[in-house]
C-alpha atoms as a PDB file:
ATOM      1  CA  MET A   1      98.074 112.027  72.379  1.00  0.00           C
ATOM      2  CA  PHE A   2      98.799 108.547  71.386  1.00  0.00           C
ATOM      3  CA  SER A   3      96.525 108.289  68.430  1.00  0.00           C
ATOM      4  CA  ASN A   4      98.248 111.327  66.954  1.00  0.00           C
ATOM      5  CA  LEU A   5     101.742 109.702  67.198  1.00  0.00           C
ATOM      6  CA  ARG A   6     100.624 106.076  66.324  1.00  0.00           C
ATOM      7  CA  SER A   7     101.172 106.194  62.588  1.00  0.00           C
ATOM      8  CA  LEU A   8     104.616 107.435  63.074  1.00  0.00           C
ATOM      9  CA  ILE A   9     105.669 105.048  65.728  1.00  0.00           C
ATOM     10  CA  PHE A  10     104.066 102.027  64.007  1.00  0.00           C
ATOM     11  CA  LYS A  11     106.614 103.066  60.992  1.00  0.00           C
ATOM     12  CA  LEU A  12     109.560 102.293  63.432  1.00  0.00           C
ATOM     13  CA  ASP A  13     110.854  98.825  64.343  1.00  0.00           C
ATOM     14  CA  PRO A  14     109.157  98.093  67.790  1.00  0.00           C
ATOM     15  CA  GLU A  15     112.373  97.825  69.573  1.00  0.00           C
ATOM     16  CA  THR A  16     113.446 101.176  68.196  1.00  0.00           C
ATOM     17  CA  ALA A  17     110.048 102.675  69.167  1.00  0.00           C
ATOM     18  CA  HIS A  18     110.697 101.466  72.873  1.00  0.00           C
ATOM     19  CA  SER A  19     114.235 103.070  72.736  1.00  0.00           C
ATOM     20  CA  LEU A  20     112.756 106.285  71.418  1.00  0.00           C
ATOM     21  CA  ALA A  21     110.082 106.077  74.370  1.00  0.00           C
ATOM     22  CA  ILE A  22     112.826 105.667  76.909  1.00  0.00           C
ATOM     23  CA  LYS A  23     114.590 108.639  75.529  1.00  0.00           C
ATOM     24  CA  SER A  24     111.576 110.952  75.314  1.00  0.00           C
ATOM     25  CA  LEU A  25     110.878 110.104  79.156  1.00  0.00           C
ATOM     26  CA  LYS A  26     114.515 111.120  79.982  1.00  0.00           C
ATOM     27  CA  PHE A  27     113.894 114.406  78.505  1.00  0.00           C
ATOM     28  CA  ASN A  28     110.436 114.689  79.870  1.00  0.00           C
ATOM     29  CA  PHE A  29     108.609 114.825  76.719  1.00  0.00           C
ATOM     30  CA  ALA A  30     105.596 112.651  78.159  1.00  0.00           C
ATOM     31  CA  PRO A  31     103.303 114.833  79.888  1.00  0.00           C
ATOM     32  CA  ASN A  32     102.208 114.113  83.781  1.00  0.00           C
ATOM     33  CA  ILE A  33      98.760 113.135  82.610  1.00  0.00           C
ATOM     34  CA  LEU A  34      97.818 112.013  85.986  1.00  0.00           C
ATOM     35  CA  ASP A  35      98.682 115.014  88.142  1.00  0.00           C
ATOM     36  CA  GLU A  36      95.048 116.128  88.429  1.00  0.00           C
ATOM     37  CA  ASP A  37      94.069 112.936  90.419  1.00  0.00           C
ATOM     38  CA  LYS A  38      97.257 112.426  92.168  1.00  0.00           C
ATOM     39  CA  ASN A  39      95.719 113.194  95.550  1.00  0.00           C
ATOM     40  CA  ASN A  40      92.386 111.487  94.987  1.00  0.00           C
ATOM     41  CA  PRO A  41      91.874 109.402  98.077  1.00  0.00           C
ATOM     42  CA  LEU A  42      89.847 106.750  95.437  1.00  0.00           C
ATOM     43  CA  PHE A  43      93.060 105.662  94.149  1.00  0.00           C
ATOM     44  CA  LYS A  44      95.184 105.904  97.280  1.00  0.00           C
ATOM     45  CA  THR A  45      96.364 101.976  98.639  1.00  0.00           C
ATOM     46  CA  LYS A  46      98.959 100.537 100.866  1.00  0.00           C
ATOM     47  CA  LEU A  47     101.416  97.859  99.523  1.00  0.00           C
ATOM     48  CA  PHE A  48     103.543  95.923 101.719  1.00  0.00           C
ATOM     49  CA  ASN A  49     103.482  98.821 104.636  1.00  0.00           C
ATOM     50  CA  ARG A  50     104.074 101.418 102.108  1.00  0.00           C
ATOM     51  CA  ASN A  51     101.535 104.042 101.106  1.00  0.00           C
ATOM     52  CA  LEU A  52     101.088 104.644  97.396  1.00  0.00           C
ATOM     53  CA  GLU A  53      99.173 107.094  95.278  1.00  0.00           C
ATOM     54  CA  ASN A  54      97.618 104.274  93.283  1.00  0.00           C
ATOM     55  CA  PRO A  55      97.808 100.404  92.808  1.00  0.00           C
ATOM     56  CA  ILE A  56      98.770 100.624  89.115  1.00  0.00           C
ATOM     57  CA  GLY A  57     102.703  99.767  88.746  1.00  0.00           C
ATOM     58  CA  ILE A  58     104.949  99.314  85.634  1.00  0.00           C
ATOM     59  CA  ALA A  59     106.337  95.604  85.332  1.00  0.00           C
ATOM     60  CA  ALA A  60     110.019  94.884  84.685  1.00  0.00           C
ATOM     61  CA  GLY A  61     111.023  94.893  80.818  1.00  0.00           C
ATOM     62  CA  PHE A  62     109.896  98.472  79.996  1.00  0.00           C
ATOM     63  CA  ASP A  63     112.804 100.405  82.151  1.00  0.00           C
ATOM     64  CA  LYS A  64     115.412  97.489  81.866  1.00  0.00           C
ATOM     65  CA  ASN A  65     118.437  99.467  82.895  1.00  0.00           C
ATOM     66  CA  ALA A  66     116.741 101.934  85.463  1.00  0.00           C
ATOM     67  CA  GLU A  67     116.955 104.997  83.296  1.00  0.00           C
ATOM     68  CA  VAL A  68     113.587 106.635  83.642  1.00  0.00           C
ATOM     69  CA  TYR A  69     112.040 105.282  87.006  1.00  0.00           C
ATOM     70  CA  ASN A  70     111.229 108.556  88.266  1.00  0.00           C
ATOM     71  CA  SER A  71     110.078 109.723  85.099  1.00  0.00           C
ATOM     72  CA  LEU A  72     107.465 106.742  85.230  1.00  0.00           C
ATOM     73  CA  PHE A  73     106.460 107.823  88.774  1.00  0.00           C
ATOM     74  CA  LYS A  74     105.722 111.318  87.619  1.00  0.00           C
ATOM     75  CA  LEU A  75     103.797 109.785  85.024  1.00  0.00           C
ATOM     76  CA  GLY A  76     101.406 108.092  87.361  1.00  0.00           C
ATOM     77  CA  PHE A  77     102.428 105.082  88.260  1.00  0.00           C
ATOM     78  CA  GLY A  78     102.155 103.953  91.921  1.00  0.00           C
ATOM     79  CA  PHE A  79     105.392 101.523  91.709  1.00  0.00           C
ATOM     80  CA  VAL A  80     108.051 100.844  89.216  1.00  0.00           C
ATOM     81  CA  GLU A  81     109.992  97.704  88.445  1.00  0.00           C
ATOM     82  CA  VAL A  82     113.313  98.176  86.728  1.00  0.00           C
ATOM     83  CA  GLY A  83     115.106  95.039  85.122  1.00  0.00           C
ATOM     84  CA  THR A  84     115.544  92.171  84.388  1.00  0.00           C
ATOM     85  CA  VAL A  85     119.032  92.944  85.557  1.00  0.00           C
ATOM     86  CA  THR A  86     121.822  90.064  85.256  1.00  0.00           C
ATOM     87  CA  PRO A  87     125.210  90.144  87.179  1.00  0.00           C
ATOM     88  CA  LEU A  88     127.242  91.156  84.096  1.00  0.00           C
ATOM     89  CA  GLN A  89     126.267  93.149  80.913  1.00  0.00           C
ATOM     90  CA  GLN A  90     124.726  91.128  78.245  1.00  0.00           C
ATOM     91  CA  TYR A  91     123.124  91.606  74.636  1.00  0.00           C
ATOM     92  CA  GLY A  92     120.068  89.405  74.945  1.00  0.00           C
ATOM     93  CA  ASN A  93     118.829  87.430  72.058  1.00  0.00           C
ATOM     94  CA  PRO A  94     119.516  87.965  68.214  1.00  0.00           C
ATOM     95  CA  LYS A  95     117.432  90.910  66.510  1.00  0.00           C
ATOM     96  CA  PRO A  96     114.580  91.067  65.407  1.00  0.00           C
ATOM     97  CA  ARG A  97     113.160  89.937  69.167  1.00  0.00           C
ATOM     98  CA  VAL A  98     110.117  92.344  69.241  1.00  0.00           C
ATOM     99  CA  PHE A  99     107.141  91.649  67.280  1.00  0.00           C
ATOM    100  CA  ARG A 100     104.023  93.542  66.817  1.00  0.00           C
ATOM    101  CA  LEU A 101     100.481  91.872  66.481  1.00  0.00           C
ATOM    102  CA  VAL A 102      98.559  94.915  65.223  1.00  0.00           C
ATOM    103  CA  GLU A 103      95.318  93.203  65.007  1.00  0.00           C
ATOM    104  CA  ASP A 104      95.532  91.974  68.394  1.00  0.00           C
ATOM    105  CA  GLU A 105      96.953  95.132  69.950  1.00  0.00           C
ATOM    106  CA  ALA A 106      99.741  93.185  71.471  1.00  0.00           C
ATOM    107  CA  LEU A 107     103.646  92.387  71.010  1.00  0.00           C
ATOM    108  CA  ILE A 108     105.944  89.316  71.335  1.00  0.00           C
ATOM    109  CA  ASN A 109     108.698  90.138  73.522  1.00  0.00           C
ATOM    110  CA  ARG A 110     111.815  87.769  72.700  1.00  0.00           C
ATOM    111  CA  LEU A 111     114.478  90.097  74.249  1.00  0.00           C
ATOM    112  CA  GLY A 112     116.073  87.706  76.753  1.00  0.00           C
ATOM    113  CA  PHE A 113     117.538  89.598  79.556  1.00  0.00           C
ATOM    114  CA  ASN A 114     119.220  92.462  77.570  1.00  0.00           C
ATOM    115  CA  ASN A 115     120.776  94.942  80.072  1.00  0.00           C
ATOM    116  CA  PHE A 116     123.768  96.906  81.048  1.00  0.00           C
ATOM    117  CA  GLY A 117     124.660  94.565  84.103  1.00  0.00           C
ATOM    118  CA  SER A 118     124.209  95.148  87.791  1.00  0.00           C
ATOM    119  CA  LYS A 119     126.921  97.386  88.747  1.00  0.00           C
ATOM    120  CA  ASN A 120     125.779  99.883  85.900  1.00  0.00           C
ATOM    121  CA  VAL A 121     122.065  99.877  86.941  1.00  0.00           C
ATOM    122  CA  LEU A 122     123.265 100.161  90.606  1.00  0.00           C
ATOM    123  CA  ASP A 123     125.127 103.174  90.098  1.00  0.00           C
ATOM    124  CA  ARG A 124     122.189 104.839  88.279  1.00  0.00           C
ATOM    125  CA  ILE A 125     120.020 103.914  91.290  1.00  0.00           C
ATOM    126  CA  LYS A 126     122.328 105.437  93.671  1.00  0.00           C
ATOM    127  CA  SER A 127     122.883 108.555  91.496  1.00  0.00           C
ATOM    128  CA  LYS A 128     119.002 109.094  91.185  1.00  0.00           C
ATOM    129  CA  LYS A 129     117.161 108.423  94.592  1.00  0.00           C
ATOM    130  CA  GLN A 130     113.802 106.944  93.660  1.00  0.00           C
ATOM    131  CA  ILE A 131     110.484 109.086  94.389  1.00  0.00           C
ATOM    132  CA  GLY A 132     108.435 106.072  94.662  1.00  0.00           C
ATOM    133  CA  LEU A 133     108.429 102.173  95.649  1.00  0.00           C
ATOM    134  CA  LEU A 134     111.160 100.892  93.204  1.00  0.00           C
ATOM    135  CA  GLY A 135     111.486  97.239  92.637  1.00  0.00           C
ATOM    136  CA  VAL A 136     114.384  95.588  90.759  1.00  0.00           C
ATOM    137  CA  ASN A 137     114.022  92.313  88.749  1.00  0.00           C
ATOM    138  CA  ILE A 138     117.039  89.978  89.046  1.00  0.00           C
ATOM    139  CA  GLY A 139     118.028  87.206  86.787  1.00  0.00           C
ATOM    140  CA  PRO A 140     120.818  85.218  85.672  1.00  0.00           C
ATOM    141  CA  ASN A 141     123.065  85.454  82.717  1.00  0.00           C
ATOM    142  CA  LYS A 142     122.650  83.533  79.729  1.00  0.00           C
ATOM    143  CA  ASP A 143     125.960  81.726  79.843  1.00  0.00           C
ATOM    144  CA  THR A 144     126.585  81.659  83.603  1.00  0.00           C
ATOM    145  CA  LYS A 145     127.887  78.323  85.088  1.00  0.00           C
ATOM    146  CA  ASP A 146     126.085  79.051  88.462  1.00  0.00           C
ATOM    147  CA  ARG A 147     122.550  80.403  88.056  1.00  0.00           C
ATOM    148  CA  ASN A 148     122.018  80.188  91.948  1.00  0.00           C
ATOM    149  CA  GLY A 149     125.220  82.323  92.470  1.00  0.00           C
ATOM    150  CA  ASP A 150     123.972  84.801  89.792  1.00  0.00           C
ATOM    151  CA  TYR A 151     120.658  85.377  91.894  1.00  0.00           C
ATOM    152  CA  ILE A 152     122.800  85.827  94.924  1.00  0.00           C
ATOM    153  CA  LYS A 153     125.063  88.431  93.277  1.00  0.00           C
ATOM    154  CA  CYS A 154     122.227  90.542  92.361  1.00  0.00           C
ATOM    155  CA  LEU A 155     120.513  90.513  95.599  1.00  0.00           C
ATOM    156  CA  LYS A 156     123.781  91.286  97.355  1.00  0.00           C
ATOM    157  CA  THR A 157     124.179  94.345  94.848  1.00  0.00           C
ATOM    158  CA  PHE A 158     120.658  95.699  95.134  1.00  0.00           C
ATOM    159  CA  CYS A 159     119.567  95.093  98.694  1.00  0.00           C
ATOM    160  CA  GLU A 160     120.443  98.563  99.881  1.00  0.00           C
ATOM    161  CA  VAL A 161     118.852 100.467  97.102  1.00  0.00           C
ATOM    162  CA  ALA A 162     115.898  98.578  96.215  1.00  0.00           C
ATOM    163  CA  ASP A 163     112.457  98.680  97.712  1.00  0.00           C
ATOM    164  CA  TYR A 164     111.941  95.263  97.028  1.00  0.00           C
ATOM    165  CA  ILE A 165     113.467  92.477  94.784  1.00  0.00           C
ATOM    166  CA  THR A 166     111.849  90.039  92.216  1.00  0.00           C
ATOM    167  CA  ILE A 167     113.566  86.777  91.537  1.00  0.00           C
ATOM    168  CA  ASN A 168     112.674  86.050  87.841  1.00  0.00           C
ATOM    169  CA  ILE A 169     112.163  82.362  87.361  1.00  0.00           C
ATOM    170  CA  SER A 170     109.261  82.640  84.592  1.00  0.00           C
ATOM    171  CA  SER A 171     110.976  84.202  81.612  1.00  0.00           C
ATOM    172  CA  PRO A 172     110.547  82.002  78.438  1.00  0.00           C
ATOM    173  CA  ASN A 173     113.207  84.001  76.521  1.00  0.00           C
ATOM    174  CA  THR A 174     116.172  82.486  78.603  1.00  0.00           C
ATOM    175  CA  GLU A 175     116.936  78.826  77.714  1.00  0.00           C
ATOM    176  CA  ASP A 176     116.101  76.482  80.640  1.00  0.00           C
ATOM    177  CA  LEU A 177     115.244  79.216  83.208  1.00  0.00           C
ATOM    178  CA  ARG A 178     111.946  77.763  83.714  1.00  0.00           C
ATOM    179  CA  SER A 179     113.463  74.634  84.945  1.00  0.00           C
ATOM    180  CA  PHE A 180     113.444  76.324  88.296  1.00  0.00           C
ATOM    181  CA  HIS A 181     109.580  75.390  88.526  1.00  0.00           C
ATOM    182  CA  ASP A 182     111.069  71.896  89.005  1.00  0.00           C
ATOM    183  CA  GLU A 183     110.528  70.985  92.865  1.00  0.00           C
ATOM    184  CA  PHE A 184     114.278  70.288  93.494  1.00  0.00           C
ATOM    185  CA  LYS A 185     115.532  73.023  91.651  1.00  0.00           C
ATOM    186  CA  LEU A 186     113.155  75.629  93.191  1.00  0.00           C
ATOM    187  CA  ASP A 187     113.947  73.929  96.541  1.00  0.00           C
ATOM    188  CA  GLU A 188     117.734  74.525  95.799  1.00  0.00           C
ATOM    189  CA  LEU A 189     117.095  78.224  94.845  1.00  0.00           C
ATOM    190  CA  THR A 190     115.031  79.021  97.849  1.00  0.00           C
ATOM    191  CA  ASN A 191     117.457  77.410 100.181  1.00  0.00           C
ATOM    192  CA  SER A 192     120.247  79.694  98.914  1.00  0.00           C
ATOM    193  CA  ILE A 193     118.094  82.649  99.083  1.00  0.00           C
ATOM    194  CA  LYS A 194     117.111  81.816 102.823  1.00  0.00           C
ATOM    195  CA  THR A 195     121.023  81.058 103.785  1.00  0.00           C
ATOM    196  CA  TYR A 196     121.907  84.402 102.137  1.00  0.00           C
ATOM    197  CA  TYR A 197     119.363  86.429 103.709  1.00  0.00           C
ATOM    198  CA  TYR A 198     120.570  85.286 107.361  1.00  0.00           C
ATOM    199  CA  HIS A 199     124.093  86.184 106.063  1.00  0.00           C
ATOM    200  CA  LEU A 200     122.936  89.479 105.376  1.00  0.00           C
ATOM    201  CA  ILE A 201     121.469  90.417 108.722  1.00  0.00           C
ATOM    202  CA  ILE A 202     124.920  89.770 110.138  1.00  0.00           C
ATOM    203  CA  GLU A 203     126.878  91.339 107.423  1.00  0.00           C
ATOM    204  CA  LEU A 204     124.845  94.134 106.902  1.00  0.00           C
ATOM    205  CA  PRO A 205     122.973  95.219 110.350  1.00  0.00           C
ATOM    206  CA  HIS A 206     122.661  98.928 109.303  1.00  0.00           C
ATOM    207  CA  VAL A 207     120.459  97.989 106.466  1.00  0.00           C
ATOM    208  CA  ASN A 208     117.031  98.837 107.585  1.00  0.00           C
ATOM    209  CA  PRO A 209     114.469  97.809 106.154  1.00  0.00           C
ATOM    210  CA  LEU A 210     115.863  94.380 104.656  1.00  0.00           C
ATOM    211  CA  PRO A 211     114.395  92.609 101.904  1.00  0.00           C
ATOM    212  CA  LYS A 212     111.953  90.552 103.871  1.00  0.00           C
ATOM    213  CA  ALA A 213     108.938  88.739 101.995  1.00  0.00           C
ATOM    214  CA  ALA A 214     108.074  87.597  98.280  1.00  0.00           C
ATOM    215  CA  ARG A 215     105.823  87.343  95.283  1.00  0.00           C
ATOM    216  CA  THR A 216     105.354  84.547  93.293  1.00  0.00           C
ATOM    217  CA  THR A 217     104.337  84.317  89.776  1.00  0.00           C
ATOM    218  CA  MET A 218     104.857  81.099  87.593  1.00  0.00           C
ATOM    219  CA  SER A 219     103.166  79.589  84.636  1.00  0.00           C
ATOM    220  CA  PRO A 220      99.580  78.486  85.267  1.00  0.00           C
ATOM    221  CA  CYS A 221     100.402  75.109  83.895  1.00  0.00           C
ATOM    222  CA  LEU A 222     103.051  74.764  86.596  1.00  0.00           C
ATOM    223  CA  ILE A 223     101.283  75.661  89.841  1.00  0.00           C
ATOM    224  CA  PHE A 224     101.644  72.417  91.907  1.00  0.00           C
ATOM    225  CA  PRO A 225     101.666  72.171  95.581  1.00  0.00           C
ATOM    226  CA  SER A 226     105.557  71.046  95.718  1.00  0.00           C
ATOM    227  CA  SER A 227     106.127  74.551  94.055  1.00  0.00           C
ATOM    228  CA  GLN A 228     104.315  76.357  96.567  1.00  0.00           C
ATOM    229  CA  ALA A 229     105.942  74.298  99.401  1.00  0.00           C
ATOM    230  CA  SER A 230     109.339  75.181  98.127  1.00  0.00           C
ATOM    231  CA  VAL A 231     108.611  78.907  98.470  1.00  0.00           C
ATOM    232  CA  LYS A 232     107.238  78.583 101.822  1.00  0.00           C
ATOM    233  CA  ALA A 233     110.452  77.388 102.842  1.00  0.00           C
ATOM    234  CA  ILE A 234     111.706  80.784 103.265  1.00  0.00           C
ATOM    235  CA  GLY A 235     108.774  82.044 105.078  1.00  0.00           C
ATOM    236  CA  ILE A 236     106.521  83.007 102.278  1.00  0.00           C
ATOM    237  CA  GLU A 237     102.844  82.195 102.061  1.00  0.00           C
ATOM    238  CA  PRO A 238     102.031  82.100  98.489  1.00  0.00           C
ATOM    239  CA  ALA A 239      98.391  83.422  97.339  1.00  0.00           C
ATOM    240  CA  VAL A 240      97.236  82.952  93.604  1.00  0.00           C
ATOM    241  CA  VAL A 241     100.125  82.206  91.430  1.00  0.00           C
ATOM    242  CA  PHE A 242      99.770  83.708  87.702  1.00  0.00           C
ATOM    243  CA  PRO A 243     102.353  85.368  85.473  1.00  0.00           C
ATOM    244  CA  TYR A 244     102.481  89.111  85.203  1.00  0.00           C
ATOM    245  CA  PHE A 245     100.401  90.056  88.019  1.00  0.00           C
ATOM    246  CA  TRP A 246     101.198  91.276  91.551  1.00  0.00           C
ATOM    247  CA  ILE A 247     100.320  88.874  94.329  1.00  0.00           C
ATOM    248  CA  LEU A 248     100.158  89.925  97.809  1.00  0.00           C
ATOM    249  CA  LEU A 249     101.988  87.526 100.169  1.00  0.00           C
ATOM    250  CA  LYS A 250     102.476  87.322 103.883  1.00  0.00           C
ATOM    251  CA  THR A 251     105.567  88.974 104.942  1.00  0.00           C
ATOM    252  CA  LEU A 252     108.235  87.307 107.332  1.00  0.00           C
ATOM    253  CA  SER A 253     108.232  90.770 109.674  1.00  0.00           C
ATOM    254  CA  SER A 254     105.691  93.478 110.107  1.00  0.00           C
ATOM    255  CA  GLU A 255     108.567  95.866 110.961  1.00  0.00           C
ATOM    256  CA  ARG A 256     110.308  95.713 107.653  1.00  0.00           C
ATOM    257  CA  PRO A 257     108.465  96.495 104.576  1.00  0.00           C
ATOM    258  CA  ASN A 258     111.090  95.412 102.187  1.00  0.00           C
ATOM    259  CA  PHE A 259     110.950  92.092 100.193  1.00  0.00           C
ATOM    260  CA  PHE A 260     112.165  89.534  98.004  1.00  0.00           C
ATOM    261  CA  CYS A 261     109.884  88.144  95.217  1.00  0.00           C
ATOM    262  CA  ILE A 262     110.151  85.289  93.005  1.00  0.00           C
ATOM    263  CA  ASN A 263     108.515  85.600  89.521  1.00  0.00           C
END
C-alpha cells in the first residue's frame, strides 16, 4: 500500500506528510493490517507485568498530542508512547525542521518538543480511554526557569492516566537538555523525582497502581557509572543504555506495574 502512495507523499513537505498521517489515523483510513496475527502466541509478550499482543511499540514523536493512540493500537502496535509533552503549549523550533534523507530512507527530526501542552493532552486521554499500554513522554518548556519543576508538573498531571511516564533528557533538539547527563544535574533531577514520588503516595493513595519503575536511555557516548548510579538513587537498576531502545529495568514494587522512565 505504501509503495502506491509514496510518490504522492514525497511531493509533500515531510512535516505536512506527518500531519496527514495523523489525520488519516483519526478518520480510520489506515487498515488494521495485523488483525490476522493478533492472537498469534508467537508475538505475545509480557512487559512490566502487563500482557501485550506483541513487543513492538511506537516511540514518542509520532503521536505528539495523544490524538491517535487507540488507532495505533488497532494498527497492531503492542504499546504506544505519546509526547513529548511539556507543561505549557509551545511551537517548537522554526520551520523547516524535518528533513528527508531519501537515499538513506531516513528523516532528520529537529521539531523541538512542539505540542499542545499538558492540560490539552490530559483532557484528550481522559476523554478516550486507552485500549493498550500507553506511555507519556514528558519534557520541560524551552523558556522555563525551572526544568526540574516542569518535569514534576508533568508527572503530577499524568500520574493517574498514564501506564508509564518517560522523563526525556536525551533530545538533542532542546538547547542544553542533555546537560542532565551531567552527574550532579542528574542527581538533582532524580532526587526531585524521588521526593515527589513519596509525596504522591501520601497525596493520592487512591491511585493504584502508581508509577513505580524506570527506563533509562542516554547517548552512548555519555554512559558513565556516575550517571547510572544517579538513576539507581530512585530505586532503579539500569540495564544496557542506548537511545531510542526500550530497556527493561528492575521495578521498585512487583505489586504495581506502572513506572517512571528517564529517557
